PDB file of all heavy atoms in Angstrom:
ATOM      1  N   SER A   1      13.910 -46.950 144.430  1.00  0.00           N
ATOM      2  CA  SER A   1      12.654 -47.636 144.643  1.00  0.00           C
ATOM      3  C   SER A   1      12.878 -48.785 145.735  1.00  0.00           C
ATOM      4  O   SER A   1      14.059 -49.131 145.886  1.00  0.00           O
ATOM      5  CB  SER A   1      11.968 -48.214 143.411  1.00  0.00           C
ATOM      6  OG  SER A   1      12.684 -49.201 142.904  1.00  0.00           O
ATOM      7  N   LYS A   2      11.749 -49.205 146.111  1.00  0.00           N
ATOM      8  CA  LYS A   2      11.825 -50.405 147.238  1.00  0.00           C
ATOM      9  C   LYS A   2      12.456 -51.603 146.662  1.00  0.00           C
ATOM     10  O   LYS A   2      13.386 -52.237 147.338  1.00  0.00           O
ATOM     11  CB  LYS A   2      10.398 -50.618 147.602  1.00  0.00           C
ATOM     12  CG  LYS A   2      10.278 -51.656 148.820  1.00  0.00           C
ATOM     13  CD  LYS A   2       8.819 -51.670 149.376  1.00  0.00           C
ATOM     14  CE  LYS A   2       8.189 -53.128 149.302  1.00  0.00           C
ATOM     15  NZ  LYS A   2       6.862 -53.116 149.549  1.00  0.00           N
ATOM     16  N   SER A   3      12.154 -51.874 145.411  1.00  0.00           N
ATOM     17  CA  SER A   3      12.716 -53.008 144.731  1.00  0.00           C
ATOM     18  C   SER A   3      14.175 -52.797 144.075  1.00  0.00           C
ATOM     19  O   SER A   3      14.749 -53.667 143.506  1.00  0.00           O
ATOM     20  CB  SER A   3      11.736 -53.424 143.609  1.00  0.00           C
ATOM     21  OG  SER A   3      11.502 -52.413 142.603  1.00  0.00           O
ATOM     22  N   LYS A   4      14.603 -51.601 144.242  1.00  0.00           N
ATOM     23  CA  LYS A   4      15.927 -51.248 143.705  1.00  0.00           C
ATOM     24  C   LYS A   4      16.138 -51.581 142.221  1.00  0.00           C
ATOM     25  O   LYS A   4      17.024 -52.347 141.744  1.00  0.00           O
ATOM     26  CB  LYS A   4      17.048 -51.905 144.465  1.00  0.00           C
ATOM     27  CG  LYS A   4      17.013 -51.548 145.999  1.00  0.00           C
ATOM     28  CD  LYS A   4      17.609 -50.185 146.191  1.00  0.00           C
ATOM     29  CE  LYS A   4      17.745 -49.916 147.654  1.00  0.00           C
ATOM     30  NZ  LYS A   4      17.359 -48.537 147.913  1.00  0.00           N
ATOM     31  N   SER A   5      15.088 -51.313 141.385  1.00  0.00           N
ATOM     32  CA  SER A   5      15.012 -51.571 140.063  1.00  0.00           C
ATOM     33  C   SER A   5      16.323 -51.061 139.308  1.00  0.00           C
ATOM     34  O   SER A   5      16.741 -49.986 139.575  1.00  0.00           O
ATOM     35  CB  SER A   5      13.849 -51.127 139.378  1.00  0.00           C
ATOM     36  OG  SER A   5      12.724 -51.587 139.844  1.00  0.00           O
ATOM     37  N   LEU A   6      16.927 -51.905 138.429  1.00  0.00           N
ATOM     38  CA  LEU A   6      17.978 -51.346 137.506  1.00  0.00           C
ATOM     39  C   LEU A   6      17.452 -50.314 136.610  1.00  0.00           C
ATOM     40  O   LEU A   6      16.469 -50.567 135.910  1.00  0.00           O
ATOM     41  CB  LEU A   6      18.592 -52.632 136.801  1.00  0.00           C
ATOM     42  CG  LEU A   6      19.782 -52.377 135.896  1.00  0.00           C
ATOM     43  CD1 LEU A   6      20.938 -51.725 136.771  1.00  0.00           C
ATOM     44  CD2 LEU A   6      20.190 -53.615 135.176  1.00  0.00           C
ATOM     45  N   GLU A   7      18.290 -49.331 136.508  1.00  0.00           N
ATOM     46  CA  GLU A   7      17.802 -48.064 135.699  1.00  0.00           C
ATOM     47  C   GLU A   7      18.998 -47.648 134.920  1.00  0.00           C
ATOM     48  O   GLU A   7      20.176 -47.719 135.281  1.00  0.00           O
ATOM     49  CB  GLU A   7      17.359 -47.050 136.564  1.00  0.00           C
ATOM     50  CG  GLU A   7      16.493 -46.035 136.057  1.00  0.00           C
ATOM     51  CD  GLU A   7      15.917 -45.132 137.115  1.00  0.00           C
ATOM     52  OE1 GLU A   7      16.515 -44.177 137.425  1.00  0.00           O
ATOM     53  OE2 GLU A   7      14.757 -45.300 137.551  1.00  0.00           O
ATOM     54  N   LEU A   8      18.690 -47.236 133.472  1.00  0.00           N
ATOM     55  CA  LEU A   8      19.782 -46.727 132.776  1.00  0.00           C
ATOM     56  C   LEU A   8      19.211 -45.395 132.032  1.00  0.00           C
ATOM     57  O   LEU A   8      17.996 -45.185 131.716  1.00  0.00           O
ATOM     58  CB  LEU A   8      19.939 -47.641 131.490  1.00  0.00           C
ATOM     59  CG  LEU A   8      20.953 -47.153 130.456  1.00  0.00           C
ATOM     60  CD1 LEU A   8      21.732 -48.454 129.887  1.00  0.00           C
ATOM     61  CD2 LEU A   8      20.360 -46.458 129.317  1.00  0.00           C
ATOM     62  N   THR A   9      19.979 -44.382 132.208  1.00  0.00           N
ATOM     63  CA  THR A   9      19.676 -43.108 131.666  1.00  0.00           C
ATOM     64  C   THR A   9      20.889 -42.712 130.623  1.00  0.00           C
ATOM     65  O   THR A   9      22.151 -42.814 130.921  1.00  0.00           O
ATOM     66  CB  THR A   9      19.559 -42.016 132.802  1.00  0.00           C
ATOM     67  OG1 THR A   9      18.655 -42.415 133.647  1.00  0.00           O
ATOM     68  CG2 THR A   9      19.174 -40.688 132.130  1.00  0.00           C
ATOM     69  N   ALA A  10      20.453 -42.278 129.373  1.00  0.00           N
ATOM     70  CA  ALA A  10      21.505 -41.894 128.462  1.00  0.00           C
ATOM     71  C   ALA A  10      20.906 -40.592 127.670  1.00  0.00           C
ATOM     72  O   ALA A  10      19.762 -40.347 127.507  1.00  0.00           O
ATOM     73  CB  ALA A  10      21.632 -43.194 127.402  1.00  0.00           C
ATOM     74  N   ASP A  11      21.936 -39.758 127.226  1.00  0.00           N
ATOM     75  CA  ASP A  11      21.823 -38.745 126.563  1.00  0.00           C
ATOM     76  C   ASP A  11      22.334 -38.775 125.135  1.00  0.00           C
ATOM     77  O   ASP A  11      23.510 -39.339 125.023  1.00  0.00           O
ATOM     78  CB  ASP A  11      22.337 -37.323 127.226  1.00  0.00           C
ATOM     79  CG  ASP A  11      21.618 -37.203 128.475  1.00  0.00           C
ATOM     80  OD1 ASP A  11      20.390 -37.447 128.676  1.00  0.00           O
ATOM     81  OD2 ASP A  11      22.354 -36.539 129.427  1.00  0.00           O
ATOM     82  N   HIS A  12      21.796 -38.260 124.148  1.00  0.00           N
ATOM     83  CA  HIS A  12      22.320 -38.162 122.791  1.00  0.00           C
ATOM     84  C   HIS A  12      22.459 -36.635 122.531  1.00  0.00           C
ATOM     85  O   HIS A  12      21.452 -35.956 122.146  1.00  0.00           O
ATOM     86  CB  HIS A  12      21.432 -38.838 121.781  1.00  0.00           C
ATOM     87  CG  HIS A  12      22.177 -39.078 120.558  1.00  0.00           C
ATOM     88  ND1 HIS A  12      22.752 -38.136 119.815  1.00  0.00           N
ATOM     89  CD2 HIS A  12      22.399 -40.266 119.952  1.00  0.00           C
ATOM     90  CE1 HIS A  12      23.427 -38.757 118.747  1.00  0.00           C
ATOM     91  NE2 HIS A  12      23.153 -40.092 118.653  1.00  0.00           N
ATOM     92  N   VAL A  13      23.565 -36.065 122.789  1.00  0.00           N
ATOM     93  CA  VAL A  13      23.888 -34.593 122.760  1.00  0.00           C
ATOM     94  C   VAL A  13      23.642 -34.163 121.282  1.00  0.00           C
ATOM     95  O   VAL A  13      22.966 -33.135 121.025  1.00  0.00           O
ATOM     96  CB  VAL A  13      25.300 -34.308 123.205  1.00  0.00           C
ATOM     97  CG1 VAL A  13      25.548 -32.806 122.876  1.00  0.00           C
ATOM     98  CG2 VAL A  13      25.426 -34.572 124.562  1.00  0.00           C
ATOM     99  N   GLU A  14      23.996 -34.849 120.223  1.00  0.00           N
ATOM    100  CA  GLU A  14      23.890 -34.406 118.725  1.00  0.00           C
ATOM    101  C   GLU A  14      22.327 -34.405 118.411  1.00  0.00           C
ATOM    102  O   GLU A  14      21.912 -33.522 117.824  1.00  0.00           O
ATOM    103  CB  GLU A  14      24.623 -35.392 117.920  1.00  0.00           C
ATOM    104  CG  GLU A  14      24.649 -34.900 116.562  1.00  0.00           C
ATOM    105  CD  GLU A  14      25.416 -35.986 115.599  1.00  0.00           C
ATOM    106  OE1 GLU A  14      26.446 -36.488 116.027  1.00  0.00           O
ATOM    107  OE2 GLU A  14      24.919 -36.262 114.446  1.00  0.00           O
ATOM    108  N   LYS A  15      21.655 -35.491 118.842  1.00  0.00           N
ATOM    109  CA  LYS A  15      20.260 -35.575 118.259  1.00  0.00           C
ATOM    110  C   LYS A  15      19.289 -34.809 119.288  1.00  0.00           C
ATOM    111  O   LYS A  15      18.113 -34.588 119.101  1.00  0.00           O
ATOM    112  CB  LYS A  15      19.945 -36.999 118.295  1.00  0.00           C
ATOM    113  CG  LYS A  15      20.481 -37.711 117.013  1.00  0.00           C
ATOM    114  CD  LYS A  15      19.870 -38.988 116.887  1.00  0.00           C
ATOM    115  CE  LYS A  15      20.589 -39.623 115.611  1.00  0.00           C
ATOM    116  NZ  LYS A  15      20.037 -40.813 115.123  1.00  0.00           N
ATOM    117  N   LYS A  16      19.892 -34.393 120.488  1.00  0.00           N
ATOM    118  CA  LYS A  16      19.117 -33.680 121.566  1.00  0.00           C
ATOM    119  C   LYS A  16      17.969 -34.513 122.020  1.00  0.00           C
ATOM    120  O   LYS A  16      16.821 -34.084 122.017  1.00  0.00           O
ATOM    121  CB  LYS A  16      18.606 -32.468 121.050  1.00  0.00           C
ATOM    122  CG  LYS A  16      19.946 -31.522 120.640  1.00  0.00           C
ATOM    123  CD  LYS A  16      19.375 -30.187 120.084  1.00  0.00           C
ATOM    124  CE  LYS A  16      20.520 -29.224 119.810  1.00  0.00           C
ATOM    125  NZ  LYS A  16      21.832 -29.779 119.358  1.00  0.00           N
ATOM    126  N   PHE A  17      18.329 -35.778 122.461  1.00  0.00           N
ATOM    127  CA  PHE A  17      17.298 -36.810 123.019  1.00  0.00           C
ATOM    128  C   PHE A  17      17.792 -37.283 124.301  1.00  0.00           C
ATOM    129  O   PHE A  17      19.111 -37.369 124.443  1.00  0.00           O
ATOM    130  CB  PHE A  17      16.894 -37.881 121.966  1.00  0.00           C
ATOM    131  CG  PHE A  17      15.730 -37.514 121.152  1.00  0.00           C
ATOM    132  CD1 PHE A  17      16.045 -36.875 119.984  1.00  0.00           C
ATOM    133  CD2 PHE A  17      14.509 -37.838 121.399  1.00  0.00           C
ATOM    134  CE1 PHE A  17      15.027 -36.493 119.103  1.00  0.00           C
ATOM    135  CE2 PHE A  17      13.488 -37.608 120.444  1.00  0.00           C
ATOM    136  CZ  PHE A  17      13.645 -36.893 119.358  1.00  0.00           C
ATOM    137  N   ALA A  18      17.006 -37.885 125.150  1.00  0.00           N
ATOM    138  CA  ALA A  18      17.476 -38.657 126.317  1.00  0.00           C
ATOM    139  C   ALA A  18      16.569 -39.745 126.430  1.00  0.00           C
ATOM    140  O   ALA A  18      15.347 -39.802 125.793  1.00  0.00           O
ATOM    141  CB  ALA A  18      17.186 -37.721 127.552  1.00  0.00           C
ATOM    142  N   VAL A  19      17.045 -40.915 126.956  1.00  0.00           N
ATOM    143  CA  VAL A  19      16.245 -42.118 127.227  1.00  0.00           C
ATOM    144  C   VAL A  19      16.485 -42.573 128.564  1.00  0.00           C
ATOM    145  O   VAL A  19      17.593 -42.527 129.131  1.00  0.00           O
ATOM    146  CB  VAL A  19      16.525 -43.110 126.152  1.00  0.00           C
ATOM    147  CG1 VAL A  19      17.941 -43.656 126.327  1.00  0.00           C
ATOM    148  CG2 VAL A  19      15.584 -44.331 126.221  1.00  0.00           C
ATOM    149  N   LYS A  20      15.431 -43.022 129.172  1.00  0.00           N
ATOM    150  CA  LYS A  20      15.548 -43.693 130.476  1.00  0.00           C
ATOM    151  C   LYS A  20      14.803 -44.996 130.319  1.00  0.00           C
ATOM    152  O   LYS A  20      13.771 -45.192 129.932  1.00  0.00           O
ATOM    153  CB  LYS A  20      14.708 -42.894 131.626  1.00  0.00           C
ATOM    154  CG  LYS A  20      14.850 -43.401 133.030  1.00  0.00           C
ATOM    155  CD  LYS A  20      14.158 -42.500 133.905  1.00  0.00           C
ATOM    156  CE  LYS A  20      14.346 -42.854 135.308  1.00  0.00           C
ATOM    157  NZ  LYS A  20      13.723 -41.831 136.229  1.00  0.00           N
ATOM    158  N   VAL A  21      15.537 -46.053 130.847  1.00  0.00           N
ATOM    159  CA  VAL A  21      14.997 -47.427 130.804  1.00  0.00           C
ATOM    160  C   VAL A  21      15.165 -48.036 132.192  1.00  0.00           C
ATOM    161  O   VAL A  21      16.104 -48.069 132.863  1.00  0.00           O
ATOM    162  CB  VAL A  21      15.809 -48.397 129.712  1.00  0.00           C
ATOM    163  CG1 VAL A  21      15.226 -49.714 129.794  1.00  0.00           C
ATOM    164  CG2 VAL A  21      15.896 -47.728 128.384  1.00  0.00           C
ATOM    165  N   GLU A  22      13.947 -48.648 132.738  1.00  0.00           N
ATOM    166  CA  GLU A  22      13.846 -49.203 133.958  1.00  0.00           C
ATOM    167  C   GLU A  22      13.404 -50.722 133.780  1.00  0.00           C
ATOM    168  O   GLU A  22      12.644 -51.010 133.117  1.00  0.00           O
ATOM    169  CB  GLU A  22      12.911 -48.515 134.765  1.00  0.00           C
ATOM    170  CG  GLU A  22      12.894 -48.650 136.311  1.00  0.00           C
ATOM    171  CD  GLU A  22      11.941 -47.792 137.015  1.00  0.00           C
ATOM    172  OE1 GLU A  22      11.739 -46.671 136.608  1.00  0.00           O
ATOM    173  OE2 GLU A  22      11.356 -48.279 137.970  1.00  0.00           O
ATOM    174  N   PHE A  23      14.259 -51.553 134.489  1.00  0.00           N
ATOM    175  CA  PHE A  23      13.964 -52.903 134.460  1.00  0.00           C
ATOM    176  C   PHE A  23      13.189 -53.500 135.595  1.00  0.00           C
ATOM    177  O   PHE A  23      13.814 -53.381 136.811  1.00  0.00           O
ATOM    178  CB  PHE A  23      15.307 -53.595 134.370  1.00  0.00           C
ATOM    179  CG  PHE A  23      15.218 -55.261 134.414  1.00  0.00           C
ATOM    180  CD1 PHE A  23      14.159 -55.920 134.101  1.00  0.00           C
ATOM    181  CD2 PHE A  23      16.299 -55.841 135.073  1.00  0.00           C
ATOM    182  CE1 PHE A  23      14.168 -57.281 134.169  1.00  0.00           C
ATOM    183  CE2 PHE A  23      16.189 -57.294 135.209  1.00  0.00           C
ATOM    184  CZ  PHE A  23      15.081 -57.945 134.839  1.00  0.00           C
ATOM    185  N   TRP A  24      12.092 -53.840 135.540  1.00  0.00           N
ATOM    186  CA  TRP A  24      11.316 -54.447 136.670  1.00  0.00           C
ATOM    187  C   TRP A  24      11.304 -55.983 136.563  1.00  0.00           C
ATOM    188  O   TRP A  24      10.771 -56.423 135.670  1.00  0.00           O
ATOM    189  CB  TRP A  24       9.723 -53.979 136.529  1.00  0.00           C
ATOM    190  CG  TRP A  24       9.559 -52.522 136.932  1.00  0.00           C
ATOM    191  CD1 TRP A  24      10.438 -51.552 137.195  1.00  0.00           C
ATOM    192  CD2 TRP A  24       8.211 -51.819 136.963  1.00  0.00           C
ATOM    193  NE1 TRP A  24       9.830 -50.399 137.371  1.00  0.00           N
ATOM    194  CE2 TRP A  24       8.485 -50.508 137.335  1.00  0.00           C
ATOM    195  CE3 TRP A  24       6.981 -52.300 136.789  1.00  0.00           C
ATOM    196  CZ2 TRP A  24       7.448 -49.533 137.599  1.00  0.00           C
ATOM    197  CZ3 TRP A  24       5.922 -51.370 137.045  1.00  0.00           C
ATOM    198  CH2 TRP A  24       6.197 -50.061 137.355  1.00  0.00           C
ATOM    199  N   GLU A  25      11.855 -56.456 137.580  1.00  0.00           N
ATOM    200  CA  GLU A  25      12.004 -57.946 137.603  1.00  0.00           C
ATOM    201  C   GLU A  25      10.598 -58.486 137.895  1.00  0.00           C
ATOM    202  O   GLU A  25       9.757 -57.754 138.369  1.00  0.00           O
ATOM    203  CB  GLU A  25      12.928 -58.360 138.674  1.00  0.00           C
ATOM    204  CG  GLU A  25      14.477 -58.005 138.376  1.00  0.00           C
ATOM    205  CD  GLU A  25      15.385 -58.563 139.340  1.00  0.00           C
ATOM    206  OE1 GLU A  25      15.448 -59.820 139.610  1.00  0.00           O
ATOM    207  OE2 GLU A  25      16.132 -57.703 139.908  1.00  0.00           O
ATOM    208  N   LYS A  26      10.344 -59.808 137.596  1.00  0.00           N
ATOM    209  CA  LYS A  26       9.127 -60.537 137.935  1.00  0.00           C
ATOM    210  C   LYS A  26       8.707 -60.233 139.367  1.00  0.00           C
ATOM    211  O   LYS A  26       9.530 -60.396 140.284  1.00  0.00           O
ATOM    212  CB  LYS A  26       9.162 -61.839 137.515  1.00  0.00           C
ATOM    213  CG  LYS A  26       7.869 -62.604 137.692  1.00  0.00           C
ATOM    214  CD  LYS A  26       7.986 -64.012 137.126  1.00  0.00           C
ATOM    215  CE  LYS A  26       6.682 -64.846 137.335  1.00  0.00           C
ATOM    216  NZ  LYS A  26       5.573 -64.375 136.584  1.00  0.00           N
ATOM    217  N   ASN A  27       7.471 -59.812 139.616  1.00  0.00           N
ATOM    218  CA  ASN A  27       6.932 -59.727 140.834  1.00  0.00           C
ATOM    219  C   ASN A  27       7.755 -58.861 141.816  1.00  0.00           C
ATOM    220  O   ASN A  27       8.032 -58.936 142.988  1.00  0.00           O
ATOM    221  CB  ASN A  27       6.606 -61.013 141.563  1.00  0.00           C
ATOM    222  CG  ASN A  27       5.712 -61.747 140.798  1.00  0.00           C
ATOM    223  OD1 ASN A  27       4.930 -61.439 140.016  1.00  0.00           O
ATOM    224  ND2 ASN A  27       5.927 -63.205 140.942  1.00  0.00           N
ATOM    225  N   SER A  28       8.426 -57.668 141.234  1.00  0.00           N
ATOM    226  CA  SER A  28       9.356 -56.822 142.034  1.00  0.00           C
ATOM    227  C   SER A  28       8.430 -55.852 142.757  1.00  0.00           C
ATOM    228  O   SER A  28       7.364 -55.533 142.459  1.00  0.00           O
ATOM    229  CB  SER A  28      10.187 -56.097 141.048  1.00  0.00           C
ATOM    230  OG  SER A  28       9.374 -55.265 140.145  1.00  0.00           O
ATOM    231  N   GLY A  29       9.090 -55.414 143.838  1.00  0.00           N
ATOM    232  CA  GLY A  29       8.496 -54.467 144.758  1.00  0.00           C
ATOM    233  C   GLY A  29       7.144 -54.857 145.489  1.00  0.00           C
ATOM    234  O   GLY A  29       6.407 -54.081 145.905  1.00  0.00           O
ATOM    235  N   GLY A  30       6.981 -56.190 145.537  1.00  0.00           N
ATOM    236  CA  GLY A  30       5.681 -56.701 146.280  1.00  0.00           C
ATOM    237  C   GLY A  30       4.525 -56.652 145.312  1.00  0.00           C
ATOM    238  O   GLY A  30       3.513 -57.148 145.772  1.00  0.00           O
ATOM    239  N   ASP A  31       4.625 -56.367 144.199  1.00  0.00           N
ATOM    240  CA  ASP A  31       3.601 -56.461 143.133  1.00  0.00           C
ATOM    241  C   ASP A  31       3.733 -57.658 142.383  1.00  0.00           C
ATOM    242  O   ASP A  31       4.831 -58.230 142.093  1.00  0.00           O
ATOM    243  CB  ASP A  31       3.661 -55.172 142.201  1.00  0.00           C
ATOM    244  CG  ASP A  31       3.283 -53.823 142.987  1.00  0.00           C
ATOM    245  OD1 ASP A  31       2.551 -53.870 143.946  1.00  0.00           O
ATOM    246  OD2 ASP A  31       3.835 -52.947 142.627  1.00  0.00           O
ATOM    247  N   ILE A  32       2.618 -57.999 141.773  1.00  0.00           N
ATOM    248  CA  ILE A  32       2.611 -59.186 140.699  1.00  0.00           C
ATOM    249  C   ILE A  32       2.720 -58.594 139.370  1.00  0.00           C
ATOM    250  O   ILE A  32       1.820 -57.773 138.995  1.00  0.00           O
ATOM    251  CB  ILE A  32       1.309 -59.973 140.894  1.00  0.00           C
ATOM    252  CG1 ILE A  32       1.201 -60.609 142.433  1.00  0.00           C
ATOM    253  CG2 ILE A  32       1.289 -61.040 139.733  1.00  0.00           C
ATOM    254  CD1 ILE A  32       0.000 -61.436 142.610  1.00  0.00           C
ATOM    255  N   ASN A  33       3.700 -58.849 138.755  1.00  0.00           N
ATOM    256  CA  ASN A  33       4.174 -58.256 137.434  1.00  0.00           C
ATOM    257  C   ASN A  33       4.924 -59.177 136.624  1.00  0.00           C
ATOM    258  O   ASN A  33       5.726 -59.980 137.177  1.00  0.00           O
ATOM    259  CB  ASN A  33       4.650 -56.854 137.393  1.00  0.00           C
ATOM    260  CG  ASN A  33       5.962 -56.771 138.062  1.00  0.00           C
ATOM    261  OD1 ASN A  33       6.248 -56.824 139.334  1.00  0.00           O
ATOM    262  ND2 ASN A  33       7.043 -56.738 137.150  1.00  0.00           N
ATOM    263  N   ASP A  34       4.772 -59.014 135.330  1.00  0.00           N
ATOM    264  CA  ASP A  34       5.842 -59.789 134.392  1.00  0.00           C
ATOM    265  C   ASP A  34       7.091 -58.989 134.385  1.00  0.00           C
ATOM    266  O   ASP A  34       7.019 -57.890 134.514  1.00  0.00           O
ATOM    267  CB  ASP A  34       5.228 -59.863 132.942  1.00  0.00           C
ATOM    268  CG  ASP A  34       4.023 -60.937 133.000  1.00  0.00           C
ATOM    269  OD1 ASP A  34       3.984 -61.890 133.640  1.00  0.00           O
ATOM    270  OD2 ASP A  34       3.021 -60.626 132.079  1.00  0.00           O
ATOM    271  N   PRO A  35       8.165 -59.781 134.044  1.00  0.00           N
ATOM    272  CA  PRO A  35       9.317 -58.927 133.792  1.00  0.00           C
ATOM    273  C   PRO A  35       9.155 -57.705 132.709  1.00  0.00           C
ATOM    274  O   PRO A  35       8.502 -58.104 131.756  1.00  0.00           O
ATOM    275  CB  PRO A  35      10.469 -59.977 133.249  1.00  0.00           C
ATOM    276  CG  PRO A  35       9.834 -61.227 133.747  1.00  0.00           C
ATOM    277  CD  PRO A  35       8.333 -61.087 133.776  1.00  0.00           C
ATOM    278  N   THR A  36       9.430 -56.667 132.983  1.00  0.00           N
ATOM    279  CA  THR A  36       9.125 -55.523 132.086  1.00  0.00           C
ATOM    280  C   THR A  36      10.252 -54.403 132.032  1.00  0.00           C
ATOM    281  O   THR A  36      11.014 -54.233 132.880  1.00  0.00           O
ATOM    282  CB  THR A  36       7.938 -54.755 132.701  1.00  0.00           C
ATOM    283  OG1 THR A  36       6.869 -55.641 132.920  1.00  0.00           O
ATOM    284  CG2 THR A  36       7.481 -53.627 131.811  1.00  0.00           C
ATOM    285  N   LEU A  37      10.494 -54.162 130.834  1.00  0.00           N
ATOM    286  CA  LEU A  37      11.352 -53.015 130.606  1.00  0.00           C
ATOM    287  C   LEU A  37      10.489 -51.781 130.261  1.00  0.00           C
ATOM    288  O   LEU A  37       9.624 -51.769 129.341  1.00  0.00           O
ATOM    289  CB  LEU A  37      12.313 -53.023 129.397  1.00  0.00           C
ATOM    290  CG  LEU A  37      13.436 -54.140 129.600  1.00  0.00           C
ATOM    291  CD1 LEU A  37      14.190 -54.267 128.350  1.00  0.00           C
ATOM    292  CD2 LEU A  37      14.416 -53.847 130.712  1.00  0.00           C
ATOM    293  N   LEU A  38      10.616 -50.593 131.114  1.00  0.00           N
ATOM    294  CA  LEU A  38       9.881 -49.398 130.840  1.00  0.00           C
ATOM    295  C   LEU A  38      10.761 -48.438 130.180  1.00  0.00           C
ATOM    296  O   LEU A  38      11.902 -48.153 130.729  1.00  0.00           O
ATOM    297  CB  LEU A  38       9.468 -48.916 132.194  1.00  0.00           C
ATOM    298  CG  LEU A  38       8.459 -49.570 132.928  1.00  0.00           C
ATOM    299  CD1 LEU A  38       8.326 -49.125 134.348  1.00  0.00           C
ATOM    300  CD2 LEU A  38       7.115 -49.761 132.301  1.00  0.00           C
ATOM    301  N   VAL A  39      10.457 -47.998 129.062  1.00  0.00           N
ATOM    302  CA  VAL A  39      11.263 -47.046 128.219  1.00  0.00           C
ATOM    303  C   VAL A  39      10.660 -45.677 128.116  1.00  0.00           C
ATOM    304  O   VAL A  39       9.486 -45.625 127.767  1.00  0.00           O
ATOM    305  CB  VAL A  39      11.564 -47.640 126.943  1.00  0.00           C
ATOM    306  CG1 VAL A  39      12.487 -46.782 126.062  1.00  0.00           C
ATOM    307  CG2 VAL A  39      12.150 -49.040 126.965  1.00  0.00           C
ATOM    308  N   ASN A  40      11.396 -44.591 128.305  1.00  0.00           N
ATOM    309  CA  ASN A  40      10.813 -43.248 128.032  1.00  0.00           C
ATOM    310  C   ASN A  40      11.868 -42.471 127.227  1.00  0.00           C
ATOM    311  O   ASN A  40      12.965 -42.194 127.778  1.00  0.00           O
ATOM    312  CB  ASN A  40      10.565 -42.605 129.412  1.00  0.00           C
ATOM    313  CG  ASN A  40       9.584 -41.357 129.147  1.00  0.00           C
ATOM    314  OD1 ASN A  40       9.035 -41.168 128.175  1.00  0.00           O
ATOM    315  ND2 ASN A  40       9.643 -40.496 130.215  1.00  0.00           N
TER     316      ASN A  40
END
């Protein structure tokens, strides 16, 4: 992304799940936002 947000992707082979976490720093990417962790 334009803001080069820090991202983590992990897999749990045994449980058969994946998670992706993105860290949006305050006002990142030219937008006004609070610091946020987006988890999926």
